[in-house]
Amino acid sequence: MTKADLVERVTEQISRTAGPMISKKDCARVVDAFLEAIKEALQNQKNIEVRGFGTFKIRHRKTRMARNPRTGSPVEVSARPVPVFKPSKELRAMVAGVEEGDLEDEAEEMAQ
C-alpha cells in the first residue's frame, strides 16, 4: 500500500461516516502531518505508542564487523540508532487470523 492508497482509504472511511466533508487534499495533509510527527519524534529519540496498533522506537545498534561483498575484506560498521516498529498484540493477532488469547497461549507453549 502506498501513501496515495492510504490517503484514498482514509478519505473513503471518513466520507462513509461523516459525509463528504473532507476533501482528498485535506486528508492527504492529515496523513502527511501524522507521518511527519512520527519522524520528528523518532529524530528526537522519543518513542511513539499507538494503542491497538504498535510502538515505534529507536534501538541503538552496537559497532560490529561486516564484510565488503565485493572484496570480502572486513569493514567496521559504526554504532548507530535505528528505527524499529513493534506491533501490538491485537495487530499481531489480526494479521495471524487468530484470537488475541491464542497468541499468548502459543507464546507460553514455545517458552516451555
PDB file of N, CA and C in Angstrom:
ATOM      1  N   MET A   1       0.850  -1.172   0.000  1.00  0.00           N
ATOM      2  CA  MET A   1       0.000   0.000   0.000  1.00  0.00           C
ATOM      3  C   MET A   1       0.897   1.238   0.000  1.00  0.00           C
ATOM      4  N   THR A   2       0.641   2.154  -0.892  1.00  0.00           N
ATOM      5  CA  THR A   2       1.402   3.395  -0.965  1.00  0.00           C
ATOM      6  C   THR A   2       0.722   4.476  -0.133  1.00  0.00           C
ATOM      7  N   LYS A   3       1.416   5.607   0.008  1.00  0.00           N
ATOM      8  CA  LYS A   3       0.823   6.707   0.759  1.00  0.00           C
ATOM      9  C   LYS A   3      -0.441   7.214   0.063  1.00  0.00           C
ATOM     10  N   ALA A   4      -0.434   7.229  -1.274  1.00  0.00           N
ATOM     11  CA  ALA A   4      -1.624   7.653  -2.023  1.00  0.00           C
ATOM     12  C   ALA A   4      -2.792   6.708  -1.754  1.00  0.00           C
ATOM     13  N   ASP A   5      -2.513   5.387  -1.679  1.00  0.00           N
ATOM     14  CA  ASP A   5      -3.564   4.414  -1.353  1.00  0.00           C
ATOM     15  C   ASP A   5      -4.096   4.656   0.057  1.00  0.00           C
ATOM     16  N   LEU A   6      -3.188   4.966   0.977  1.00  0.00           N
ATOM     17  CA  LEU A   6      -3.591   5.239   2.353  1.00  0.00           C
ATOM     18  C   LEU A   6      -4.500   6.468   2.418  1.00  0.00           C
ATOM     19  N   VAL A   7      -4.139   7.520   1.701  1.00  0.00           N
ATOM     20  CA  VAL A   7      -4.966   8.732   1.663  1.00  0.00           C
ATOM     21  C   VAL A   7      -6.345   8.395   1.105  1.00  0.00           C
ATOM     22  N   GLU A   8      -6.386   7.588   0.053  1.00  0.00           N
ATOM     23  CA  GLU A   8      -7.653   7.187  -0.565  1.00  0.00           C
ATOM     24  C   GLU A   8      -8.531   6.430   0.434  1.00  0.00           C
ATOM     25  N   ARG A   9      -7.927   5.470   1.150  1.00  0.00           N
ATOM     26  CA  ARG A   9      -8.689   4.674   2.122  1.00  0.00           C
ATOM     27  C   ARG A   9      -9.214   5.533   3.265  1.00  0.00           C
ATOM     28  N   VAL A  10      -8.379   6.441   3.758  1.00  0.00           N
ATOM     29  CA  VAL A  10      -8.808   7.305   4.860  1.00  0.00           C
ATOM     30  C   VAL A  10      -9.931   8.225   4.395  1.00  0.00           C
ATOM     31  N   THR A  11      -9.804   8.767   3.195  1.00  0.00           N
ATOM     32  CA  THR A  11     -10.849   9.630   2.654  1.00  0.00           C
ATOM     33  C   THR A  11     -12.165   8.872   2.516  1.00  0.00           C
ATOM     34  N   GLU A  12     -12.103   7.652   2.005  1.00  0.00           N
ATOM     35  CA  GLU A  12     -13.317   6.827   1.880  1.00  0.00           C
ATOM     36  C   GLU A  12     -13.949   6.571   3.235  1.00  0.00           C
ATOM     37  N   GLN A  13     -13.127   6.218   4.214  1.00  0.00           N
ATOM     38  CA  GLN A  13     -13.626   5.909   5.560  1.00  0.00           C
ATOM     39  C   GLN A  13     -14.313   7.123   6.179  1.00  0.00           C
ATOM     40  N   ILE A  14     -13.708   8.280   6.038  1.00  0.00           N
ATOM     41  CA  ILE A  14     -14.301   9.493   6.616  1.00  0.00           C
ATOM     42  C   ILE A  14     -15.584   9.861   5.888  1.00  0.00           C
ATOM     43  N   SER A  15     -15.597   9.728   4.565  1.00  0.00           N
ATOM     44  CA  SER A  15     -16.809  10.098   3.822  1.00  0.00           C
ATOM     45  C   SER A  15     -17.964   9.151   4.133  1.00  0.00           C
ATOM     46  N   ARG A  16     -17.662   7.895   4.483  1.00  0.00           N
ATOM     47  CA  ARG A  16     -18.721   6.947   4.869  1.00  0.00           C
ATOM     48  C   ARG A  16     -19.356   7.327   6.199  1.00  0.00           C
ATOM     49  N   THR A  17     -18.557   7.780   7.135  1.00  0.00           N
ATOM     50  CA  THR A  17     -19.066   8.052   8.478  1.00  0.00           C
ATOM     51  C   THR A  17     -19.515   9.491   8.661  1.00  0.00           C
ATOM     52  N   ALA A  18     -18.807  10.451   8.062  1.00  0.00           N
ATOM     53  CA  ALA A  18     -19.123  11.861   8.302  1.00  0.00           C
ATOM     54  C   ALA A  18     -19.673  12.564   7.072  1.00  0.00           C
ATOM     55  N   GLY A  19     -19.802  11.875   5.970  1.00  0.00           N
ATOM     56  CA  GLY A  19     -20.251  12.517   4.744  1.00  0.00           C
ATOM     57  C   GLY A  19     -19.071  13.157   4.021  1.00  0.00           C
ATOM     58  N   PRO A  20     -19.325  13.702   2.853  1.00  0.00           N
ATOM     59  CA  PRO A  20     -18.222  14.274   2.054  1.00  0.00           C
ATOM     60  C   PRO A  20     -17.764  15.634   2.584  1.00  0.00           C
ATOM     61  N   MET A  21     -17.383  15.670   3.846  1.00  0.00           N
ATOM     62  CA  MET A  21     -16.997  16.930   4.476  1.00  0.00           C
ATOM     63  C   MET A  21     -15.512  17.228   4.310  1.00  0.00           C
ATOM     64  N   ILE A  22     -14.720  16.242   3.991  1.00  0.00           N
ATOM     65  CA  ILE A  22     -13.279  16.441   3.894  1.00  0.00           C
ATOM     66  C   ILE A  22     -12.827  16.063   2.482  1.00  0.00           C
ATOM     67  N   SER A  23     -11.997  16.902   1.902  1.00  0.00           N
ATOM     68  CA  SER A  23     -11.503  16.621   0.553  1.00  0.00           C
ATOM     69  C   SER A  23     -10.301  15.686   0.633  1.00  0.00           C
ATOM     70  N   LYS A  24      -9.964  15.118  -0.501  1.00  0.00           N
ATOM     71  CA  LYS A  24      -8.811  14.227  -0.564  1.00  0.00           C
ATOM     72  C   LYS A  24      -7.530  15.008  -0.255  1.00  0.00           C
ATOM     73  N   LYS A  25      -7.492  16.268  -0.669  1.00  0.00           N
ATOM     74  CA  LYS A  25      -6.318  17.111  -0.413  1.00  0.00           C
ATOM     75  C   LYS A  25      -6.147  17.350   1.088  1.00  0.00           C
ATOM     76  N   ASP A  26      -7.256  17.620   1.793  1.00  0.00           N
ATOM     77  CA  ASP A  26      -7.189  17.808   3.246  1.00  0.00           C
ATOM     78  C   ASP A  26      -6.777  16.529   3.949  1.00  0.00           C
ATOM     79  N   CYS A  27      -7.298  15.413   3.466  1.00  0.00           N
ATOM     80  CA  CYS A  27      -6.950  14.123   4.054  1.00  0.00           C
ATOM     81  C   CYS A  27      -5.458  13.823   3.846  1.00  0.00           C
ATOM     82  N   ALA A  28      -4.931  14.183   2.694  1.00  0.00           N
ATOM     83  CA  ALA A  28      -3.500  13.994   2.418  1.00  0.00           C
ATOM     84  C   ALA A  28      -2.665  14.827   3.387  1.00  0.00           C
ATOM     85  N   ARG A  29      -3.140  16.025   3.713  1.00  0.00           N
ATOM     86  CA  ARG A  29      -2.432  16.868   4.688  1.00  0.00           C
ATOM     87  C   ARG A  29      -2.417  16.217   6.066  1.00  0.00           C
ATOM     88  N   VAL A  30      -3.529  15.600   6.441  1.00  0.00           N
ATOM     89  CA  VAL A  30      -3.615  14.928   7.748  1.00  0.00           C
ATOM     90  C   VAL A  30      -2.642  13.747   7.793  1.00  0.00           C
ATOM     91  N   VAL A  31      -2.634  12.928   6.743  1.00  0.00           N
ATOM     92  CA  VAL A  31      -1.728  11.774   6.688  1.00  0.00           C
ATOM     93  C   VAL A  31      -0.280  12.257   6.721  1.00  0.00           C
ATOM     94  N   ASP A  32       0.045  13.292   5.938  1.00  0.00           N
ATOM     95  CA  ASP A  32       1.404  13.839   5.937  1.00  0.00           C
ATOM     96  C   ASP A  32       1.799  14.361   7.311  1.00  0.00           C
ATOM     97  N   ALA A  33       0.883  15.061   7.982  1.00  0.00           N
ATOM     98  CA  ALA A  33       1.171  15.600   9.309  1.00  0.00           C
ATOM     99  C   ALA A  33       1.412  14.476  10.318  1.00  0.00           C
ATOM    100  N   PHE A  34       0.624  13.405  10.223  1.00  0.00           N
ATOM    101  CA  PHE A  34       0.796  12.257  11.119  1.00  0.00           C
ATOM    102  C   PHE A  34       2.177  11.618  10.915  1.00  0.00           C
ATOM    103  N   LEU A  35       2.529  11.381   9.664  1.00  0.00           N
ATOM    104  CA  LEU A  35       3.830  10.774   9.369  1.00  0.00           C
ATOM    105  C   LEU A  35       4.978  11.692   9.771  1.00  0.00           C
ATOM    106  N   GLU A  36       4.815  12.978   9.565  1.00  0.00           N
ATOM    107  CA  GLU A  36       5.849  13.946   9.949  1.00  0.00           C
ATOM    108  C   GLU A  36       6.030  13.973  11.464  1.00  0.00           C
ATOM    109  N   ALA A  37       4.929  13.866  12.209  1.00  0.00           N
ATOM    110  CA  ALA A  37       5.012  13.840  13.678  1.00  0.00           C
ATOM    111  C   ALA A  37       5.784  12.612  14.152  1.00  0.00           C
ATOM    112  N   ILE A  38       5.566  11.475  13.498  1.00  0.00           N
ATOM    113  CA  ILE A  38       6.300  10.256  13.850  1.00  0.00           C
ATOM    114  C   ILE A  38       7.787  10.448  13.557  1.00  0.00           C
ATOM    115  N   LYS A  39       8.110  10.989  12.385  1.00  0.00           N
ATOM    116  CA  LYS A  39       9.518  11.206  12.020  1.00  0.00           C
ATOM    117  C   LYS A  39      10.214  12.133  13.008  1.00  0.00           C
ATOM    118  N   GLU A  40       9.548  13.229  13.364  1.00  0.00           N
ATOM    119  CA  GLU A  40      10.154  14.188  14.292  1.00  0.00           C
ATOM    120  C   GLU A  40      10.380  13.575  15.670  1.00  0.00           C
ATOM    121  N   ALA A  41       9.418  12.800  16.143  1.00  0.00           N
ATOM    122  CA  ALA A  41       9.569  12.165  17.455  1.00  0.00           C
ATOM    123  C   ALA A  41      10.735  11.185  17.438  1.00  0.00           C
ATOM    124  N   LEU A  42      10.849  10.386  16.375  1.00  0.00           N
ATOM    125  CA  LEU A  42      11.959   9.438  16.285  1.00  0.00           C
ATOM    126  C   LEU A  42      13.290  10.173  16.161  1.00  0.00           C
ATOM    127  N   GLN A  43      13.303  11.262  15.424  1.00  0.00           N
ATOM    128  CA  GLN A  43      14.520  12.053  15.285  1.00  0.00           C
ATOM    129  C   GLN A  43      14.969  12.591  16.641  1.00  0.00           C
ATOM    130  N   ASN A  44      14.008  12.901  17.512  1.00  0.00           N
ATOM    131  CA  ASN A  44      14.311  13.392  18.855  1.00  0.00           C
ATOM    132  C   ASN A  44      14.470  12.264  19.868  1.00  0.00           C
ATOM    133  N   GLN A  45      14.630  11.030  19.364  1.00  0.00           N
ATOM    134  CA  GLN A  45      14.869   9.848  20.211  1.00  0.00           C
ATOM    135  C   GLN A  45      13.706   9.545  21.151  1.00  0.00           C
ATOM    136  N   LYS A  46      12.476   9.839  20.711  1.00  0.00           N
ATOM    137  CA  LYS A  46      11.289   9.560  21.529  1.00  0.00           C
ATOM    138  C   LYS A  46      10.531   8.379  20.935  1.00  0.00           C
ATOM    139  N   ASN A  47       9.865   7.615  21.791  1.00  0.00           N
ATOM    140  CA  ASN A  47       9.021   6.507  21.355  1.00  0.00           C
ATOM    141  C   ASN A  47       7.617   7.006  21.066  1.00  0.00           C
ATOM    142  N   ILE A  48       6.946   6.347  20.127  1.00  0.00           N
ATOM    143  CA  ILE A  48       5.559   6.674  19.801  1.00  0.00           C
ATOM    144  C   ILE A  48       4.738   5.421  20.018  1.00  0.00           C
ATOM    145  N   GLU A  49       3.734   5.498  20.876  1.00  0.00           N
ATOM    146  CA  GLU A  49       2.879   4.347  21.143  1.00  0.00           C
ATOM    147  C   GLU A  49       1.468   4.650  20.647  1.00  0.00           C
ATOM    148  N   VAL A  50       0.986   3.829  19.714  1.00  0.00           N
ATOM    149  CA  VAL A  50      -0.371   3.955  19.197  1.00  0.00           C
ATOM    150  C   VAL A  50      -1.126   2.722  19.696  1.00  0.00           C
ATOM    151  N   ARG A  51      -1.977   2.899  20.683  1.00  0.00           N
ATOM    152  CA  ARG A  51      -2.700   1.779  21.302  1.00  0.00           C
ATOM    153  C   ARG A  51      -3.465   0.982  20.261  1.00  0.00           C
ATOM    154  N   GLY A  52      -3.353  -0.338  20.339  1.00  0.00           N
ATOM    155  CA  GLY A  52      -4.052  -1.216  19.414  1.00  0.00           C
ATOM    156  C   GLY A  52      -3.347  -1.366  18.078  1.00  0.00           C
ATOM    157  N   PHE A  53      -2.257  -0.620  17.841  1.00  0.00           N
ATOM    158  CA  PHE A  53      -1.523  -0.702  16.579  1.00  0.00           C
ATOM    159  C   PHE A  53      -0.086  -1.144  16.820  1.00  0.00           C
ATOM    160  N   GLY A  54       0.663  -0.374  17.614  1.00  0.00           N
ATOM    161  CA  GLY A  54       2.033  -0.752  17.897  1.00  0.00           C
ATOM    162  C   GLY A  54       2.845   0.418  18.404  1.00  0.00           C
ATOM    163  N   THR A  55       4.158   0.184  18.520  1.00  0.00           N
ATOM    164  CA  THR A  55       5.073   1.178  19.060  1.00  0.00           C
ATOM    165  C   THR A  55       6.238   1.378  18.101  1.00  0.00           C
ATOM    166  N   PHE A  56       6.535   2.630  17.815  1.00  0.00           N
ATOM    167  CA  PHE A  56       7.727   2.994  17.054  1.00  0.00           C
ATOM    168  C   PHE A  56       8.782   3.370  18.074  1.00  0.00           C
ATOM    169  N   LYS A  57       9.977   2.762  17.970  1.00  0.00           N
ATOM    170  CA  LYS A  57      11.044   3.012  18.935  1.00  0.00           C
ATOM    171  C   LYS A  57      12.349   3.256  18.207  1.00  0.00           C
ATOM    172  N   ILE A  58      13.327   3.763  18.970  1.00  0.00           N
ATOM    173  CA  ILE A  58      14.693   3.873  18.491  1.00  0.00           C
ATOM    174  C   ILE A  58      15.500   2.810  19.225  1.00  0.00           C
ATOM    175  N   ARG A  59      16.176   1.970  18.483  1.00  0.00           N
ATOM    176  CA  ARG A  59      17.050   0.954  19.065  1.00  0.00           C
ATOM    177  C   ARG A  59      18.480   1.313  18.687  1.00  0.00           C
ATOM    178  N   HIS A  60      19.397   1.158  19.617  1.00  0.00           N
ATOM    179  CA  HIS A  60      20.800   1.508  19.378  1.00  0.00           C
ATOM    180  C   HIS A  60      21.579   0.246  19.012  1.00  0.00           C
ATOM    181  N   ARG A  61      22.115   0.237  17.803  1.00  0.00           N
ATOM    182  CA  ARG A  61      22.926  -0.895  17.347  1.00  0.00           C
ATOM    183  C   ARG A  61      24.366  -0.661  17.764  1.00  0.00           C
ATOM    184  N   LYS A  62      25.038  -1.738  18.158  1.00  0.00           N
ATOM    185  CA  LYS A  62      26.434  -1.662  18.566  1.00  0.00           C
ATOM    186  C   LYS A  62      27.341  -1.679  17.336  1.00  0.00           C
ATOM    187  N   THR A  63      28.571  -1.263  17.543  1.00  0.00           N
ATOM    188  CA  THR A  63      29.573  -1.366  16.487  1.00  0.00           C
ATOM    189  C   THR A  63      29.801  -2.845  16.193  1.00  0.00           C
ATOM    190  N   ARG A  64      29.930  -3.175  14.899  1.00  0.00           N
ATOM    191  CA  ARG A  64      30.136  -4.583  14.539  1.00  0.00           C
ATOM    192  C   ARG A  64      31.028  -4.666  13.314  1.00  0.00           C
ATOM    193  N   MET A  65      31.516  -5.855  13.085  1.00  0.00           N
ATOM    194  CA  MET A  65      32.335  -6.114  11.909  1.00  0.00           C
ATOM    195  C   MET A  65      31.458  -6.755  10.837  1.00  0.00           C
ATOM    196  N   ALA A  66      31.601  -6.284   9.605  1.00  0.00           N
ATOM    197  CA  ALA A  66      30.872  -6.834   8.466  1.00  0.00           C
ATOM    198  C   ALA A  66      31.884  -7.092   7.362  1.00  0.00           C
ATOM    199  N   ARG A  67      31.422  -7.616   6.248  1.00  0.00           N
ATOM    200  CA  ARG A  67      32.313  -7.884   5.113  1.00  0.00           C
ATOM    201  C   ARG A  67      31.844  -7.101   3.896  1.00  0.00           C
ATOM    202  N   ASN A  68      32.794  -6.555   3.172  1.00  0.00           N
ATOM    203  CA  ASN A  68      32.512  -5.920   1.897  1.00  0.00           C
ATOM    204  C   ASN A  68      32.181  -7.035   0.912  1.00  0.00           C
ATOM    205  N   PRO A  69      30.970  -7.072   0.348  1.00  0.00           N
ATOM    206  CA  PRO A  69      30.601  -8.188  -0.521  1.00  0.00           C
ATOM    207  C   PRO A  69      31.420  -8.248  -1.810  1.00  0.00           C
ATOM    208  N   ARG A  70      31.947  -7.132  -2.249  1.00  0.00           N
ATOM    209  CA  ARG A  70      32.721  -7.110  -3.487  1.00  0.00           C
ATOM    210  C   ARG A  70      34.136  -7.664  -3.292  1.00  0.00           C
ATOM    211  N   THR A  71      34.795  -7.229  -2.199  1.00  0.00           N
ATOM    212  CA  THR A  71      36.187  -7.633  -1.981  1.00  0.00           C
ATOM    213  C   THR A  71      36.340  -8.708  -0.913  1.00  0.00           C
ATOM    214  N   GLY A  72      35.356  -8.833  -0.041  1.00  0.00           N
ATOM    215  CA  GLY A  72      35.439  -9.815   1.039  1.00  0.00           C
ATOM    216  C   GLY A  72      36.235  -9.322   2.230  1.00  0.00           C
ATOM    217  N   SER A  73      36.739  -8.098   2.171  1.00  0.00           N
ATOM    218  CA  SER A  73      37.533  -7.581   3.280  1.00  0.00           C
ATOM    219  C   SER A  73      36.626  -7.129   4.427  1.00  0.00           C
ATOM    220  N   PRO A  74      37.108  -7.267   5.660  1.00  0.00           N
ATOM    221  CA  PRO A  74      36.298  -6.857   6.809  1.00  0.00           C
ATOM    222  C   PRO A  74      36.164  -5.328   6.872  1.00  0.00           C
ATOM    223  N   VAL A  75      34.974  -4.875   7.278  1.00  0.00           N
ATOM    224  CA  VAL A  75      34.671  -3.458   7.398  1.00  0.00           C
ATOM    225  C   VAL A  75      33.973  -3.239   8.729  1.00  0.00           C
ATOM    226  N   GLU A  76      34.368  -2.188   9.435  1.00  0.00           N
ATOM    227  CA  GLU A  76      33.712  -1.882  10.702  1.00  0.00           C
ATOM    228  C   GLU A  76      32.485  -1.014  10.427  1.00  0.00           C
ATOM    229  N   VAL A  77      31.342  -1.455  10.959  1.00  0.00           N
ATOM    230  CA  VAL A  77      30.100  -0.693  10.867  1.00  0.00           C
ATOM    231  C   VAL A  77      29.909  -0.014  12.215  1.00  0.00           C
ATOM    232  N   SER A  78      29.849   1.309  12.205  1.00  0.00           N
ATOM    233  CA  SER A  78      29.793   2.060  13.457  1.00  0.00           C
ATOM    234  C   SER A  78      28.438   1.916  14.157  1.00  0.00           C
ATOM    235  N   ALA A  79      28.448   2.206  15.440  1.00  0.00           N
ATOM    236  CA  ALA A  79      27.217   2.170  16.239  1.00  0.00           C
ATOM    237  C   ALA A  79      26.297   3.273  15.748  1.00  0.00           C
ATOM    238  N   ARG A  80      24.986   2.991  15.756  1.00  0.00           N
ATOM    239  CA  ARG A  80      24.031   3.995  15.293  1.00  0.00           C
ATOM    240  C   ARG A  80      22.633   3.661  15.788  1.00  0.00           C
ATOM    241  N   PRO A  81      21.792   4.683  15.912  1.00  0.00           N
ATOM    242  CA  PRO A  81      20.391   4.432  16.268  1.00  0.00           C
ATOM    243  C   PRO A  81      19.609   4.041  15.012  1.00  0.00           C
ATOM    244  N   VAL A  82      18.675   3.088  15.154  1.00  0.00           N
ATOM    245  CA  VAL A  82      17.827   2.677  14.039  1.00  0.00           C
ATOM    246  C   VAL A  82      16.372   2.657  14.499  1.00  0.00           C
ATOM    247  N   PRO A  83      15.439   3.063  13.628  1.00  0.00           N
ATOM    248  CA  PRO A  83      14.026   3.000  13.999  1.00  0.00           C
ATOM    249  C   PRO A  83      13.502   1.576  13.872  1.00  0.00           C
ATOM    250  N   VAL A  84      12.667   1.159  14.815  1.00  0.00           N
ATOM    251  CA  VAL A  84      12.036  -0.163  14.773  1.00  0.00           C
ATOM    252  C   VAL A  84      10.551  -0.010  15.094  1.00  0.00           C
ATOM    253  N   PHE A  85       9.772  -0.980  14.640  1.00  0.00           N
ATOM    254  CA  PHE A  85       8.341  -0.990  14.919  1.00  0.00           C
ATOM    255  C   PHE A  85       8.006  -2.307  15.600  1.00  0.00           C
ATOM    256  N   LYS A  86       7.296  -2.226  16.722  1.00  0.00           N
ATOM    257  CA  LYS A  86       6.841  -3.419  17.425  1.00  0.00           C
ATOM    258  C   LYS A  86       5.317  -3.420  17.400  1.00  0.00           C
ATOM    259  N   PRO A  87       4.707  -4.366  16.681  1.00  0.00           N
ATOM    260  CA  PRO A  87       3.240  -4.382  16.613  1.00  0.00           C
ATOM    261  C   PRO A  87       2.619  -4.774  17.949  1.00  0.00           C
ATOM    262  N   SER A  88       1.400  -4.290  18.174  1.00  0.00           N
ATOM    263  CA  SER A  88       0.676  -4.634  19.395  1.00  0.00           C
ATOM    264  C   SER A  88       0.188  -6.079  19.310  1.00  0.00           C
ATOM    265  N   LYS A  89      -0.220  -6.617  20.440  1.00  0.00           N
ATOM    266  CA  LYS A  89      -0.769  -7.978  20.457  1.00  0.00           C
ATOM    267  C   LYS A  89      -2.001  -8.070  19.571  1.00  0.00           C
ATOM    268  N   GLU A  90      -2.830  -7.022  19.607  1.00  0.00           N
ATOM    269  CA  GLU A  90      -4.051  -7.009  18.795  1.00  0.00           C
ATOM    270  C   GLU A  90      -3.722  -7.075  17.304  1.00  0.00           C
ATOM    271  N   LEU A  91      -2.739  -6.291  16.865  1.00  0.00           N
ATOM    272  CA  LEU A  91      -2.359  -6.278  15.449  1.00  0.00           C
ATOM    273  C   LEU A  91      -1.751  -7.613  15.041  1.00  0.00           C
ATOM    274  N   ARG A  92      -0.889  -8.169  15.893  1.00  0.00           N
ATOM    275  CA  ARG A  92      -0.293  -9.479  15.581  1.00  0.00           C
ATOM    276  C   ARG A  92      -1.363 -10.546  15.445  1.00  0.00           C
ATOM    277  N   ALA A  93      -2.359 -10.517  16.337  1.00  0.00           N
ATOM    278  CA  ALA A  93      -3.446 -11.498  16.280  1.00  0.00           C
ATOM    279  C   ALA A  93      -4.275 -11.311  15.014  1.00  0.00           C
ATOM    280  N   MET A  94      -4.548 -10.072  14.644  1.00  0.00           N
ATOM    281  CA  MET A  94      -5.340  -9.799  13.452  1.00  0.00           C
ATOM    282  C   MET A  94      -4.611 -10.277  12.188  1.00  0.00           C
ATOM    283  N   VAL A  95      -3.315 -10.025  12.106  1.00  0.00           N
ATOM    284  CA  VAL A  95      -2.529 -10.450  10.946  1.00  0.00           C
ATOM    285  C   VAL A  95      -2.453 -11.974  10.875  1.00  0.00           C
ATOM    286  N   ALA A  96      -2.327 -12.614  12.030  1.00  0.00           N
ATOM    287  CA  ALA A  96      -2.237 -14.076  12.076  1.00  0.00           C
ATOM    288  C   ALA A  96      -3.598 -14.734  11.865  1.00  0.00           C
ATOM    289  N   GLY A  97      -4.677 -13.957  12.001  1.00  0.00           N
ATOM    290  CA  GLY A  97      -6.021 -14.502  11.827  1.00  0.00           C
ATOM    291  C   GLY A  97      -6.481 -15.361  12.976  1.00  0.00           C
ATOM    292  N   VAL A  98      -5.987 -15.049  14.182  1.00  0.00           N
ATOM    293  CA  VAL A  98      -6.375 -15.802  15.375  1.00  0.00           C
ATOM    294  C   VAL A  98      -6.858 -14.825  16.443  1.00  0.00           C
ATOM    295  N   GLU A  99      -7.423 -15.378  17.493  1.00  0.00           N
ATOM    296  CA  GLU A  99      -7.838 -14.559  18.629  1.00  0.00           C
ATOM    297  C   GLU A  99      -6.603 -14.117  19.407  1.00  0.00           C
ATOM    298  N   GLU A 100      -6.699 -12.985  20.078  1.00  0.00           N
ATOM    299  CA  GLU A 100      -5.571 -12.431  20.822  1.00  0.00           C
ATOM    300  C   GLU A 100      -5.072 -13.397  21.901  1.00  0.00           C
ATOM    301  N   GLY A 101      -5.970 -14.069  22.577  1.00  0.00           N
ATOM    302  CA  GLY A 101      -5.586 -15.022  23.621  1.00  0.00           C
ATOM    303  C   GLY A 101      -4.827 -16.219  23.076  1.00  0.00           C
ATOM    304  N   ASP A 102      -5.109 -16.617  21.822  1.00  0.00           N
ATOM    305  CA  ASP A 102      -4.409 -17.745  21.211  1.00  0.00           C
ATOM    306  C   ASP A 102      -2.925 -17.453  21.023  1.00  0.00           C
ATOM    307  N   LEU A 103      -2.577 -16.199  20.722  1.00  0.00           N
ATOM    308  CA  LEU A 103      -1.168 -15.831  20.570  1.00  0.00           C
ATOM    309  C   LEU A 103      -0.424 -15.981  21.891  1.00  0.00           C
ATOM    310  N   GLU A 104      -1.082 -15.608  22.989  1.00  0.00           N
ATOM    311  CA  GLU A 104      -0.450 -15.729  24.297  1.00  0.00           C
ATOM    312  C   GLU A 104      -0.251 -17.198  24.664  1.00  0.00           C
ATOM    313  N   ASP A 105      -1.223 -18.061  24.286  1.00  0.00           N
ATOM    314  CA  ASP A 105      -1.088 -19.490  24.546  1.00  0.00           C
ATOM    315  C   ASP A 105       0.084 -20.071  23.766  1.00  0.00           C
ATOM    316  N   GLU A 106       0.230 -19.655  22.492  1.00  0.00           N
ATOM    317  CA  GLU A 106       1.350 -20.126  21.677  1.00  0.00           C
ATOM    318  C   GLU A 106       2.684 -19.692  22.274  1.00  0.00           C
ATOM    319  N   ALA A 107       2.759 -18.453  22.758  1.00  0.00           N
ATOM    320  CA  ALA A 107       3.994 -17.937  23.339  1.00  0.00           C
ATOM    321  C   ALA A 107       4.359 -18.732  24.581  1.00  0.00           C
ATOM    322  N   GLU A 108       3.369 -19.095  25.389  1.00  0.00           N
ATOM    323  CA  GLU A 108       3.634 -19.884  26.596  1.00  0.00           C
ATOM    324  C   GLU A 108       4.129 -21.271  26.230  1.00  0.00           C
ATOM    325  N   GLU A 109       3.531 -21.890  25.196  1.00  0.00           N
ATOM    326  CA  GLU A 109       3.950 -23.217  24.762  1.00  0.00           C
ATOM    327  C   GLU A 109       5.383 -23.217  24.252  1.00  0.00           C
ATOM    328  N   MET A 110       5.750 -22.168  23.507  1.00  0.00           N
ATOM    329  CA  MET A 110       7.094 -22.074  22.959  1.00  0.00           C
ATOM    330  C   MET A 110       8.120 -21.843  24.055  1.00  0.00           C
ATOM    331  N   ALA A 111       7.711 -21.165  25.128  1.00  0.00           N
ATOM    332  CA  ALA A 111       8.630 -20.864  26.230  1.00  0.00           C
ATOM    333  C   ALA A 111       8.954 -22.118  27.044  1.00  0.00           C
ATOM    334  N   GLN A 112       8.078 -23.102  26.981  1.00  0.00           N
ATOM    335  CA  GLN A 112       8.298 -24.298  27.806  1.00  0.00           C
ATOM    336  C   GLN A 112       9.189 -25.288  27.152  1.00  0.00           C
TER     337      GLN A 112
END
